[in-house]
C-alpha atoms as a PDB file:
ATOM      1  CA  UNK A   1      20.997   1.851  19.968  1.00  0.00           C
ATOM      2  CA  UNK A   2      22.173   5.456  20.309  1.00  0.00           C
ATOM      3  CA  UNK A   3      22.058   5.935  16.549  1.00  0.00           C
ATOM      4  CA  UNK A   4      18.471   4.731  16.273  1.00  0.00           C
ATOM      5  CA  UNK A   5      15.815   7.237  15.244  1.00  0.00           C
ATOM      6  CA  UNK A   6      12.430   6.286  16.665  1.00  0.00           C
ATOM      7  CA  UNK A   7       9.378   7.032  14.567  1.00  0.00           C
ATOM      8  CA  UNK A   8       7.778   9.093  17.331  1.00  0.00           C
ATOM      9  CA  UNK A   9      10.656  11.566  16.979  1.00  0.00           C
ATOM     10  CA  UNK A  10       9.436  12.136  13.405  1.00  0.00           C
ATOM     11  CA  UNK A  11       5.810  12.624  14.465  1.00  0.00           C
ATOM     12  CA  UNK A  12       4.617   9.332  12.949  1.00  0.00           C
ATOM     13  CA  UNK A  13       2.200   6.753  14.374  1.00  0.00           C
ATOM     14  CA  UNK A  14       2.040   2.987  14.042  1.00  0.00           C
ATOM     15  CA  UNK A  15      -0.994   1.186  12.598  1.00  0.00           C
ATOM     16  CA  UNK A  16      -2.515  -0.218  15.788  1.00  0.00           C
ATOM     17  CA  UNK A  17      -5.148   2.433  16.512  1.00  0.00           C
ATOM     18  CA  UNK A  18      -5.733   3.053  12.787  1.00  0.00           C
ATOM     19  CA  UNK A  19      -6.657  -0.596  12.274  1.00  0.00           C
ATOM     20  CA  UNK A  20      -8.760  -0.894  15.422  1.00  0.00           C
ATOM     21  CA  UNK A  21     -10.904   2.019  14.274  1.00  0.00           C
ATOM     22  CA  UNK A  22     -11.071   0.763  10.690  1.00  0.00           C
ATOM     23  CA  UNK A  23     -12.249  -2.720  11.709  1.00  0.00           C
ATOM     24  CA  UNK A  24     -14.954  -1.210  13.895  1.00  0.00           C
ATOM     25  CA  UNK A  25     -15.944   1.367  11.296  1.00  0.00           C
ATOM     26  CA  UNK A  26     -16.128  -0.858   8.231  1.00  0.00           C
ATOM     27  CA  UNK A  27     -13.564   0.975   6.117  1.00  0.00           C
ATOM     28  CA  UNK A  28      -9.946   0.474   5.024  1.00  0.00           C
ATOM     29  CA  UNK A  29      -6.862   2.637   5.515  1.00  0.00           C
ATOM     30  CA  UNK A  30      -5.238   3.625   2.221  1.00  0.00           C
ATOM     31  CA  UNK A  31      -1.634   2.506   1.824  1.00  0.00           C
ATOM     32  CA  UNK A  32      -0.122   4.489  -1.039  1.00  0.00           C
ATOM     33  CA  UNK A  33       3.353   3.765  -2.342  1.00  0.00           C
ATOM     34  CA  UNK A  34       5.726   6.615  -3.074  1.00  0.00           C
ATOM     35  CA  UNK A  35       9.197   7.011  -4.564  1.00  0.00           C
ATOM     36  CA  UNK A  36       9.593  10.782  -4.902  1.00  0.00           C
ATOM     37  CA  UNK A  37       8.523  14.147  -3.536  1.00  0.00           C
ATOM     38  CA  UNK A  38       5.539  14.704  -5.825  1.00  0.00           C
ATOM     39  CA  UNK A  39       3.996  11.365  -4.925  1.00  0.00           C
ATOM     40  CA  UNK A  40       4.435  12.015  -1.208  1.00  0.00           C
ATOM     41  CA  UNK A  41       3.018  15.530  -1.514  1.00  0.00           C
ATOM     42  CA  UNK A  42      -0.025  14.083  -3.272  1.00  0.00           C
ATOM     43  CA  UNK A  43      -0.534  11.493  -0.520  1.00  0.00           C
ATOM     44  CA  UNK A  44      -0.445  14.173   2.186  1.00  0.00           C
ATOM     45  CA  UNK A  45      -2.628  16.659   0.292  1.00  0.00           C
ATOM     46  CA  UNK A  46      -5.283  14.080  -0.600  1.00  0.00           C
ATOM     47  CA  UNK A  47      -5.362  12.824   2.988  1.00  0.00           C
ATOM     48  CA  UNK A  48      -5.708  16.347   4.371  1.00  0.00           C
ATOM     49  CA  UNK A  49      -8.425  17.298   1.891  1.00  0.00           C
ATOM     50  CA  UNK A  50     -10.437  14.159   2.730  1.00  0.00           C
ATOM     51  CA  UNK A  51      -9.513  14.112   6.450  1.00  0.00           C
ATOM     52  CA  UNK A  52      -8.266  10.549   6.087  1.00  0.00           C
ATOM     53  CA  UNK A  53      -5.659   8.562   7.996  1.00  0.00           C
ATOM     54  CA  UNK A  54      -2.984   7.260   5.643  1.00  0.00           C
ATOM     55  CA  UNK A  55      -0.088   4.847   5.354  1.00  0.00           C
ATOM     56  CA  UNK A  56       2.870   6.194   3.387  1.00  0.00           C
ATOM     57  CA  UNK A  57       4.307   3.034   1.919  1.00  0.00           C
ATOM     58  CA  UNK A  58       7.864   2.375   0.750  1.00  0.00           C
ATOM     59  CA  UNK A  59       9.170  -0.712  -1.021  1.00  0.00           C
ATOM     60  CA  UNK A  60      12.766  -1.859  -0.801  1.00  0.00           C
ATOM     61  CA  UNK A  61      13.175  -0.710  -4.399  1.00  0.00           C
ATOM     62  CA  UNK A  62      11.887   2.757  -3.516  1.00  0.00           C
ATOM     63  CA  UNK A  63      14.260   2.914  -0.554  1.00  0.00           C
ATOM     64  CA  UNK A  64      17.202   2.109  -2.810  1.00  0.00           C
ATOM     65  CA  UNK A  65      16.015   4.653  -5.364  1.00  0.00           C
ATOM     66  CA  UNK A  66      15.433   7.533  -2.956  1.00  0.00           C
ATOM     67  CA  UNK A  67      18.104   6.779  -0.294  1.00  0.00           C
ATOM     68  CA  UNK A  68      17.171   5.707   3.226  1.00  0.00           C
ATOM     69  CA  UNK A  69      18.219   8.990   4.885  1.00  0.00           C
ATOM     70  CA  UNK A  70      16.383  11.044   2.276  1.00  0.00           C
ATOM     71  CA  UNK A  71      13.212   8.997   2.791  1.00  0.00           C
ATOM     72  CA  UNK A  72      13.349   9.543   6.533  1.00  0.00           C
ATOM     73  CA  UNK A  73      13.615  13.298   5.958  1.00  0.00           C
ATOM     74  CA  UNK A  74      10.733  13.177   3.506  1.00  0.00           C
ATOM     75  CA  UNK A  75       8.529  11.403   6.051  1.00  0.00           C
ATOM     76  CA  UNK A  76       9.375  14.032   8.679  1.00  0.00           C
ATOM     77  CA  UNK A  77       8.618  16.681   6.067  1.00  0.00           C
ATOM     78  CA  UNK A  78       5.228  15.113   5.381  1.00  0.00           C
ATOM     79  CA  UNK A  79       4.341  15.385   9.076  1.00  0.00           C
ATOM     80  CA  UNK A  80       5.537  19.008   9.183  1.00  0.00           C
ATOM     81  CA  UNK A  81       3.590  19.821   6.014  1.00  0.00           C
ATOM     82  CA  UNK A  82       0.362  18.441   7.504  1.00  0.00           C
ATOM     83  CA  UNK A  83       0.877  20.356  10.748  1.00  0.00           C
ATOM     84  CA  UNK A  84       1.596  23.610   8.909  1.00  0.00           C
ATOM     85  CA  UNK A  85      -1.688  23.149   7.077  1.00  0.00           C
ATOM     86  CA  UNK A  86      -3.482  22.697  10.402  1.00  0.00           C
ATOM     87  CA  UNK A  87      -4.316  19.035   9.797  1.00  0.00           C
ATOM     88  CA  UNK A  88      -4.509  16.402  12.521  1.00  0.00           C
ATOM     89  CA  UNK A  89      -4.281  13.291  10.347  1.00  0.00           C
ATOM     90  CA  UNK A  90      -2.381  10.205  11.536  1.00  0.00           C
ATOM     91  CA  UNK A  91       0.578   9.410   9.266  1.00  0.00           C
ATOM     92  CA  UNK A  92       2.311   6.033   9.248  1.00  0.00           C
ATOM     93  CA  UNK A  93       5.547   5.164   7.418  1.00  0.00           C
ATOM     94  CA  UNK A  94       5.439   1.509   6.357  1.00  0.00           C
ATOM     95  CA  UNK A  95       7.886  -0.874   4.685  1.00  0.00           C
ATOM     96  CA  UNK A  96       6.110  -2.766   1.899  1.00  0.00           C
ATOM     97  CA  UNK A  97       7.263  -6.335   1.203  1.00  0.00           C
ATOM     98  CA  UNK A  98      10.326  -6.490   3.382  1.00  0.00           C
ATOM     99  CA  UNK A  99      11.912  -9.852   2.651  1.00  0.00           C
ATOM    100  CA  UNK A 100      14.650 -10.155   5.284  1.00  0.00           C
ATOM    101  CA  UNK A 101      15.041  -9.518   8.997  1.00  0.00           C
ATOM    102  CA  UNK A 102      17.984  -7.208   8.246  1.00  0.00           C
ATOM    103  CA  UNK A 103      15.909  -4.971   5.976  1.00  0.00           C
ATOM    104  CA  UNK A 104      13.074  -4.742   8.497  1.00  0.00           C
ATOM    105  CA  UNK A 105      15.525  -3.962  11.312  1.00  0.00           C
ATOM    106  CA  UNK A 106      17.180  -1.232   9.233  1.00  0.00           C
ATOM    107  CA  UNK A 107      13.813   0.394   8.559  1.00  0.00           C
ATOM    108  CA  UNK A 108      12.779   0.199  12.216  1.00  0.00           C
ATOM    109  CA  UNK A 109      16.105   1.754  13.240  1.00  0.00           C
ATOM    110  CA  UNK A 110      15.564   4.530  10.673  1.00  0.00           C
ATOM    111  CA  UNK A 111      12.167   5.752  11.786  1.00  0.00           C
ATOM    112  CA  UNK A 112       9.615   3.454  10.178  1.00  0.00           C
ATOM    113  CA  UNK A 113       6.550   2.987  12.342  1.00  0.00           C
ATOM    114  CA  UNK A 114       5.366  -0.184  10.625  1.00  0.00           C
ATOM    115  CA  UNK A 115       7.037  -2.940   8.608  1.00  0.00           C
ATOM    116  CA  UNK A 116       5.894  -5.843   6.508  1.00  0.00           C
ATOM    117  CA  UNK A 117       7.849  -9.067   6.545  1.00  0.00           C
ATOM    118  CA  UNK A 118       6.869 -11.140   3.541  1.00  0.00           C
ATOM    119  CA  UNK A 119       7.911 -14.726   4.127  1.00  0.00           C
ATOM    120  CA  UNK A 120       5.220 -16.096   1.834  1.00  0.00           C
ATOM    121  CA  UNK A 121       7.759 -17.566  -0.598  1.00  0.00           C
ATOM    122  CA  UNK A 122       9.274 -19.686   2.172  1.00  0.00           C
ATOM    123  CA  UNK A 123       7.862 -22.860   3.646  1.00  0.00           C
ATOM    124  CA  UNK A 124       5.132 -22.335   6.228  1.00  0.00           C
ATOM    125  CA  UNK A 125       7.467 -23.079   9.153  1.00  0.00           C
ATOM    126  CA  UNK A 126      10.207 -20.798   7.808  1.00  0.00           C
ATOM    127  CA  UNK A 127       7.633 -18.036   7.217  1.00  0.00           C
ATOM    128  CA  UNK A 128       6.510 -18.371  10.842  1.00  0.00           C
ATOM    129  CA  UNK A 129      10.088 -18.279  12.153  1.00  0.00           C
ATOM    130  CA  UNK A 130      11.124 -15.256  10.073  1.00  0.00           C
ATOM    131  CA  UNK A 131       7.947 -13.343  10.889  1.00  0.00           C
ATOM    132  CA  UNK A 132       8.316 -14.088  14.598  1.00  0.00           C
ATOM    133  CA  UNK A 133      11.926 -12.825  14.535  1.00  0.00           C
ATOM    134  CA  UNK A 134      10.822  -9.506  13.020  1.00  0.00           C
ATOM    135  CA  UNK A 135       7.896  -9.177  15.438  1.00  0.00           C
ATOM    136  CA  UNK A 136      10.110  -9.723  18.479  1.00  0.00           C
ATOM    137  CA  UNK A 137      12.457  -6.934  17.397  1.00  0.00           C
ATOM    138  CA  UNK A 138       9.768  -4.528  16.183  1.00  0.00           C
ATOM    139  CA  UNK A 139       7.600  -4.781  19.273  1.00  0.00           C
ATOM    140  CA  UNK A 140      10.504  -3.659  21.467  1.00  0.00           C
ATOM    141  CA  UNK A 141      10.041  -0.260  19.836  1.00  0.00           C
ATOM    142  CA  UNK A 142       6.233  -0.327  19.462  1.00  0.00           C
ATOM    143  CA  UNK A 143       6.539  -0.800  15.698  1.00  0.00           C
ATOM    144  CA  UNK A 144       3.675  -2.775  14.166  1.00  0.00           C
ATOM    145  CA  UNK A 145       4.268  -5.747  11.851  1.00  0.00           C
ATOM    146  CA  UNK A 146       2.340  -7.088   8.871  1.00  0.00           C
ATOM    147  CA  UNK A 147       2.840 -10.705   7.831  1.00  0.00           C
ATOM    148  CA  UNK A 148       1.660 -12.583   4.740  1.00  0.00           C
ATOM    149  CA  UNK A 149       0.043 -15.944   4.070  1.00  0.00           C
ATOM    150  CA  UNK A 150      -0.502 -16.943   0.463  1.00  0.00           C
ATOM    151  CA  UNK A 151       1.360 -15.705  -2.619  1.00  0.00           C
ATOM    152  CA  UNK A 152       0.202 -12.999  -5.050  1.00  0.00           C
ATOM    153  CA  UNK A 153       1.049 -13.322  -8.722  1.00  0.00           C
ATOM    154  CA  UNK A 154       2.392 -10.461 -10.808  1.00  0.00           C
ATOM    155  CA  UNK A 155       5.357  -8.117 -10.894  1.00  0.00           C
ATOM    156  CA  UNK A 156       5.734  -4.850  -9.029  1.00  0.00           C
ATOM    157  CA  UNK A 157       9.048  -3.408  -7.869  1.00  0.00           C
ATOM    158  CA  UNK A 158      11.058  -6.239  -6.306  1.00  0.00           C
ATOM    159  CA  UNK A 159       8.010  -8.494  -5.913  1.00  0.00           C
ATOM    160  CA  UNK A 160       7.849 -11.215  -8.547  1.00  0.00           C
ATOM    161  CA  UNK A 161       5.671 -14.316  -8.563  1.00  0.00           C
ATOM    162  CA  UNK A 162       4.724 -16.423 -11.566  1.00  0.00           C
ATOM    163  CA  UNK A 163       1.530 -17.741 -10.062  1.00  0.00           C
ATOM    164  CA  UNK A 164      -0.589 -17.191  -7.003  1.00  0.00           C
ATOM    165  CA  UNK A 165      -1.613 -19.519  -4.216  1.00  0.00           C
ATOM    166  CA  UNK A 166      -4.658 -18.582  -2.200  1.00  0.00           C
ATOM    167  CA  UNK A 167      -4.395 -18.187   1.544  1.00  0.00           C
ATOM    168  CA  UNK A 168      -5.431 -21.352   3.391  1.00  0.00           C
ATOM    169  CA  UNK A 169      -7.924 -20.244   6.064  1.00  0.00           C
ATOM    170  CA  UNK A 170      -7.060 -23.214   8.290  1.00  0.00           C
ATOM    171  CA  UNK A 171      -3.526 -21.795   8.725  1.00  0.00           C
ATOM    172  CA  UNK A 172      -4.366 -18.266   9.851  1.00  0.00           C
ATOM    173  CA  UNK A 173      -5.074 -18.887  13.540  1.00  0.00           C
ATOM    174  CA  UNK A 174      -1.856 -20.840  13.991  1.00  0.00           C
ATOM    175  CA  UNK A 175       0.169 -18.259  12.060  1.00  0.00           C
ATOM    176  CA  UNK A 176      -1.174 -15.279  13.990  1.00  0.00           C
ATOM    177  CA  UNK A 177      -0.740 -16.947  17.386  1.00  0.00           C
ATOM    178  CA  UNK A 178       2.788 -18.214  16.687  1.00  0.00           C
ATOM    179  CA  UNK A 179       4.109 -15.004  15.128  1.00  0.00           C
ATOM    180  CA  UNK A 180       2.362 -12.254  17.095  1.00  0.00           C
ATOM    181  CA  UNK A 181       1.810 -10.171  13.949  1.00  0.00           C
ATOM    182  CA  UNK A 182      -0.423  -7.095  14.131  1.00  0.00           C
ATOM    183  CA  UNK A 183      -2.011  -7.564  10.687  1.00  0.00           C
ATOM    184  CA  UNK A 184      -2.121 -10.210   7.984  1.00  0.00           C
ATOM    185  CA  UNK A 185      -1.942  -9.887   4.201  1.00  0.00           C
ATOM    186  CA  UNK A 186      -3.923 -12.612   2.473  1.00  0.00           C
ATOM    187  CA  UNK A 187      -4.290 -13.770  -1.124  1.00  0.00           C
ATOM    188  CA  UNK A 188      -7.870 -13.825  -2.449  1.00  0.00           C
ATOM    189  CA  UNK A 189      -7.330 -13.068  -6.132  1.00  0.00           C
ATOM    190  CA  UNK A 190      -5.571  -9.711  -6.287  1.00  0.00           C
ATOM    191  CA  UNK A 191      -2.127  -9.472  -7.899  1.00  0.00           C
ATOM    192  CA  UNK A 192       0.726  -7.029  -8.356  1.00  0.00           C
ATOM    193  CA  UNK A 193       1.233  -4.770 -11.351  1.00  0.00           C
ATOM    194  CA  UNK A 194      -1.008  -3.339 -14.079  1.00  0.00           C
ATOM    195  CA  UNK A 195      -1.840  -6.707 -15.656  1.00  0.00           C
ATOM    196  CA  UNK A 196      -3.804  -8.416 -12.911  1.00  0.00           C
ATOM    197  CA  UNK A 197      -6.027 -10.559 -15.135  1.00  0.00           C
ATOM    198  CA  UNK A 198      -5.805 -11.960 -18.665  1.00  0.00           C
ATOM    199  CA  UNK A 199      -9.237 -11.542 -20.190  1.00  0.00           C
ATOM    200  CA  UNK A 200     -10.666 -12.762 -23.488  1.00  0.00           C
ATOM    201  CA  UNK A 201     -12.689 -10.190 -25.488  1.00  0.00           C
ATOM    202  CA  UNK A 202     -15.932  -9.462 -23.640  1.00  0.00           C
ATOM    203  CA  UNK A 203     -14.848 -11.409 -20.571  1.00  0.00           C
ATOM    204  CA  UNK A 204     -15.325  -9.779 -17.158  1.00  0.00           C
ATOM    205  CA  UNK A 205     -12.850  -9.669 -14.308  1.00  0.00           C
ATOM    206  CA  UNK A 206     -13.390 -12.696 -12.037  1.00  0.00           C
ATOM    207  CA  UNK A 207     -14.654 -11.845  -8.551  1.00  0.00           C
ATOM    208  CA  UNK A 208     -12.308 -11.897  -5.604  1.00  0.00           C
ATOM    209  CA  UNK A 209     -12.516 -14.970  -3.370  1.00  0.00           C
ATOM    210  CA  UNK A 210     -14.794 -13.469  -0.752  1.00  0.00           C
ATOM    211  CA  UNK A 211     -15.451 -16.989   0.526  1.00  0.00           C
ATOM    212  CA  UNK A 212     -11.826 -17.162   1.682  1.00  0.00           C
ATOM    213  CA  UNK A 213     -12.049 -13.693   3.215  1.00  0.00           C
ATOM    214  CA  UNK A 214     -15.229 -14.649   5.082  1.00  0.00           C
ATOM    215  CA  UNK A 215     -13.683 -17.833   6.467  1.00  0.00           C
ATOM    216  CA  UNK A 216     -10.521 -15.977   7.542  1.00  0.00           C
ATOM    217  CA  UNK A 217     -12.710 -13.378   9.256  1.00  0.00           C
ATOM    218  CA  UNK A 218     -14.598 -16.122  11.093  1.00  0.00           C
ATOM    219  CA  UNK A 219     -11.405 -17.799  12.255  1.00  0.00           C
ATOM    220  CA  UNK A 220      -9.706 -14.613  13.522  1.00  0.00           C
ATOM    221  CA  UNK A 221     -12.633 -12.235  14.170  1.00  0.00           C
ATOM    222  CA  UNK A 222     -11.689  -8.576  14.402  1.00  0.00           C
ATOM    223  CA  UNK A 223      -8.114  -9.185  13.273  1.00  0.00           C
ATOM    224  CA  UNK A 224      -6.798  -6.641  10.726  1.00  0.00           C
ATOM    225  CA  UNK A 225      -6.608  -8.086   7.202  1.00  0.00           C
ATOM    226  CA  UNK A 226      -4.609  -6.501   4.354  1.00  0.00           C
ATOM    227  CA  UNK A 227      -5.110  -6.630   0.585  1.00  0.00           C
ATOM    228  CA  UNK A 228      -2.087  -6.204  -1.684  1.00  0.00           C
ATOM    229  CA  UNK A 229      -2.192  -5.687  -5.433  1.00  0.00           C
ATOM    230  CA  UNK A 230      -5.474  -3.818  -5.168  1.00  0.00           C
ATOM    231  CA  UNK A 231      -5.189  -1.136  -7.845  1.00  0.00           C
ATOM    232  CA  UNK A 232      -8.186  -0.833 -10.162  1.00  0.00           C
ATOM    233  CA  UNK A 233      -5.953   0.006 -13.157  1.00  0.00           C
ATOM    234  CA  UNK A 234      -8.114   2.989 -14.137  1.00  0.00           C
ATOM    235  CA  UNK A 235      -8.854   2.610 -17.850  1.00  0.00           C
ATOM    236  CA  UNK A 236      -8.910   6.367 -18.427  1.00  0.00           C
ATOM    237  CA  UNK A 237      -5.192   6.451 -17.607  1.00  0.00           C
ATOM    238  CA  UNK A 238      -4.399   3.362 -19.655  1.00  0.00           C
ATOM    239  CA  UNK A 239      -6.097   4.983 -22.661  1.00  0.00           C
ATOM    240  CA  UNK A 240      -4.261   8.287 -22.155  1.00  0.00           C
ATOM    241  CA  UNK A 241      -0.914   6.514 -21.933  1.00  0.00           C
ATOM    242  CA  UNK A 242      -1.632   4.588 -25.126  1.00  0.00           C
ATOM    243  CA  UNK A 243      -2.971   7.720 -26.852  1.00  0.00           C
ATOM    244  CA  UNK A 244       0.272   9.567 -26.200  1.00  0.00           C
ATOM    245  CA  UNK A 245       2.758   6.938 -27.293  1.00  0.00           C
ATOM    246  CA  UNK A 246       2.542   4.263 -24.619  1.00  0.00           C
ATOM    247  CA  UNK A 247       1.873   0.573 -25.050  1.00  0.00           C
ATOM    248  CA  UNK A 248      -0.250  -0.927 -22.283  1.00  0.00           C
ATOM    249  CA  UNK A 249      -2.370  -3.571 -23.972  1.00  0.00           C
ATOM    250  CA  UNK A 250      -4.750  -5.563 -21.819  1.00  0.00           C
ATOM    251  CA  UNK A 251      -3.957  -3.868 -18.494  1.00  0.00           C
ATOM    252  CA  UNK A 252      -6.851  -4.502 -16.102  1.00  0.00           C
ATOM    253  CA  UNK A 253      -7.269  -4.373 -12.338  1.00  0.00           C
ATOM    254  CA  UNK A 254      -9.703  -5.058  -9.506  1.00  0.00           C
ATOM    255  CA  UNK A 255     -13.123  -3.389  -9.899  1.00  0.00           C
ATOM    256  CA  UNK A 256     -13.695  -0.681  -7.315  1.00  0.00           C
ATOM    257  CA  UNK A 257     -17.005  -2.150  -6.136  1.00  0.00           C
ATOM    258  CA  UNK A 258     -15.180  -5.350  -5.115  1.00  0.00           C
ATOM    259  CA  UNK A 259     -12.639  -3.337  -3.142  1.00  0.00           C
ATOM    260  CA  UNK A 260     -15.398  -1.392  -1.403  1.00  0.00           C
ATOM    261  CA  UNK A 261     -17.048  -4.672  -0.423  1.00  0.00           C
ATOM    262  CA  UNK A 262     -13.732  -5.917   0.981  1.00  0.00           C
ATOM    263  CA  UNK A 263     -13.126  -2.657   2.866  1.00  0.00           C
ATOM    264  CA  UNK A 264     -16.524  -2.949   4.529  1.00  0.00           C
ATOM    265  CA  UNK A 265     -15.575  -6.339   5.987  1.00  0.00           C
ATOM    266  CA  UNK A 266     -12.392  -7.433   7.760  1.00  0.00           C
ATOM    267  CA  UNK A 267     -10.015  -5.736   5.327  1.00  0.00           C
ATOM    268  CA  UNK A 268      -8.649  -2.625   7.027  1.00  0.00           C
ATOM    269  CA  UNK A 269      -5.645  -1.811   4.789  1.00  0.00           C
ATOM    270  CA  UNK A 270      -5.655  -1.712   0.992  1.00  0.00           C
ATOM    271  CA  UNK A 271      -2.420  -1.225  -0.951  1.00  0.00           C
ATOM    272  CA  UNK A 272      -2.511   0.978  -4.048  1.00  0.00           C
ATOM    273  CA  UNK A 273       0.589   1.500  -6.181  1.00  0.00           C
ATOM    274  CA  UNK A 274      -0.051   0.830  -9.880  1.00  0.00           C
ATOM    275  CA  UNK A 275      -2.959   3.286 -10.097  1.00  0.00           C
ATOM    276  CA  UNK A 276      -0.707   6.075  -8.884  1.00  0.00           C
ATOM    277  CA  UNK A 277       1.993   5.158 -11.389  1.00  0.00           C
ATOM    278  CA  UNK A 278      -0.547   5.100 -14.209  1.00  0.00           C
ATOM    279  CA  UNK A 279      -2.059   8.459 -13.224  1.00  0.00           C
ATOM    280  CA  UNK A 280       1.319  10.189 -13.123  1.00  0.00           C
ATOM    281  CA  UNK A 281       2.590   8.635 -16.348  1.00  0.00           C
ATOM    282  CA  UNK A 282      -0.631   9.453 -18.192  1.00  0.00           C
ATOM    283  CA  UNK A 283      -0.505  13.120 -17.201  1.00  0.00           C
ATOM    284  CA  UNK A 284       3.212  13.501 -17.911  1.00  0.00           C
ATOM    285  CA  UNK A 285       2.762  12.007 -21.384  1.00  0.00           C
ATOM    286  CA  UNK A 286      -0.299  14.153 -22.043  1.00  0.00           C
ATOM    287  CA  UNK A 287       1.362  17.360 -20.840  1.00  0.00           C
ATOM    288  CA  UNK A 288       4.551  16.878 -22.851  1.00  0.00           C
ATOM    289  CA  UNK A 289       2.628  15.945 -25.990  1.00  0.00           C
ATOM    290  CA  UNK A 290       0.461  19.067 -25.702  1.00  0.00           C
ATOM    291  CA  UNK A 291       3.357  21.328 -24.658  1.00  0.00           C
ATOM    292  CA  UNK A 292       6.323  20.234 -26.788  1.00  0.00           C
ATOM    293  CA  UNK A 293       8.264  23.411 -26.009  1.00  0.00           C
ATOM    294  CA  UNK A 294       8.052  22.902 -22.229  1.00  0.00           C
ATOM    295  CA  UNK A 295      11.044  21.516 -20.326  1.00  0.00           C
ATOM    296  CA  UNK A 296      10.396  22.626 -16.749  1.00  0.00           C
ATOM    297  CA  UNK A 297       9.915  19.486 -14.617  1.00  0.00           C
ATOM    298  CA  UNK A 298       7.735  21.480 -12.220  1.00  0.00           C
ATOM    299  CA  UNK A 299       5.171  21.914 -14.977  1.00  0.00           C
ATOM    300  CA  UNK A 300       4.733  18.304 -16.031  1.00  0.00           C
ATOM    301  CA  UNK A 301       5.318  16.835 -12.580  1.00  0.00           C
ATOM    302  CA  UNK A 302       2.933  19.433 -11.149  1.00  0.00           C
ATOM    303  CA  UNK A 303       0.232  18.246 -13.555  1.00  0.00           C
ATOM    304  CA  UNK A 304       0.944  14.651 -12.551  1.00  0.00           C
ATOM    305  CA  UNK A 305       0.791  15.538  -8.851  1.00  0.00           C
ATOM    306  CA  UNK A 306      -2.582  17.264  -9.238  1.00  0.00           C
ATOM    307  CA  UNK A 307      -4.017  14.179 -10.959  1.00  0.00           C
ATOM    308  CA  UNK A 308      -2.628  11.938  -8.247  1.00  0.00           C
ATOM    309  CA  UNK A 309      -4.333  14.051  -5.568  1.00  0.00           C
ATOM    310  CA  UNK A 310      -7.649  13.723  -7.423  1.00  0.00           C
ATOM    311  CA  UNK A 311      -7.219   9.939  -7.759  1.00  0.00           C
ATOM    312  CA  UNK A 312      -6.414   9.459  -4.080  1.00  0.00           C
ATOM    313  CA  UNK A 313      -9.292  11.664  -2.941  1.00  0.00           C
ATOM    314  CA  UNK A 314     -11.614   9.502  -5.030  1.00  0.00           C
ATOM    315  CA  UNK A 315     -10.192   6.313  -3.509  1.00  0.00           C
ATOM    316  CA  UNK A 316     -10.545   7.652   0.047  1.00  0.00           C
ATOM    317  CA  UNK A 317     -14.096   8.868  -0.476  1.00  0.00           C
ATOM    318  CA  UNK A 318     -15.654   6.246  -2.705  1.00  0.00           C
ATOM    319  CA  UNK A 319     -13.596   3.053  -2.508  1.00  0.00           C
ATOM    320  CA  UNK A 320     -11.916   2.673   0.867  1.00  0.00           C
ATOM    321  CA  UNK A 321     -14.373   4.735   2.907  1.00  0.00           C
ATOM    322  CA  UNK A 322     -11.581   6.364   4.917  1.00  0.00           C
ATOM    323  CA  UNK A 323     -12.586   9.972   4.227  1.00  0.00           C
ATOM    324  CA  UNK A 324     -13.578  11.795   7.413  1.00  0.00           C
ATOM    325  CA  UNK A 325     -12.056   9.092   9.640  1.00  0.00           C
ATOM    326  CA  UNK A 326      -8.880  10.899  10.741  1.00  0.00           C
END
């Protein structure tokens, strides 16, 4: 393992202490996906300005897009950036929706401090076996592991599912004990992408299945629970995108008050990706439409980055409750 780069060499932390404090404190750690420098800068700046712990989240698609070595350098740069600004915020680098042992191992060997193994599309027994295999390897290096029970609908990056199946609460104790996972993603009505619900005119978003969350919490009290597909799909951004040439009809997400309720219970990690994509796209479209003579990427990406910082600060302060918890 001489070529392995351990996450502690990069100044990162795993999720164990983050989640322990979040469960006790009744808030959730933000897990923001990033693919490029501006997104990562926004994550670090928003976390510093709100004094929030944060999980910098990378999908397999993002890793392919950015290059594994480049991503590792970016994560180290994020730590250095925070330190130069005098911040003492815990930063975790997490693999989102890893689907094979080989991918998880590669990320662990390349400095990730946390990985998710998503075996939810397999049979229950195969999910247990795959998750256990990842846990056994990860724990040798003090890397934390997130597993998943239940399937989320929707499309985001490499994650595609036609329909969802809710987590069965009577499986969670067995799954956690057999796999040794450090946290568990469950399905209670969230979904991936910007089109989480199909609503008729005047129809409201259906509530999340808090009954399932409550039963899971009762069966594995104090165990860290994760929500995926939890963007609110901010309508201001949808409208801006459509105003400036986009076509996002009927894009709706999870109301923020439902996410705050979840964060105050057993949920200690909430994944947010689509909202960040929408914020950046909206501001890039708006900037280019209003400045047709501008061609400097720093200008339009700078505007997008500023909006992303504002969005994440809002999430930390008013939705997840993580502000001031670093």
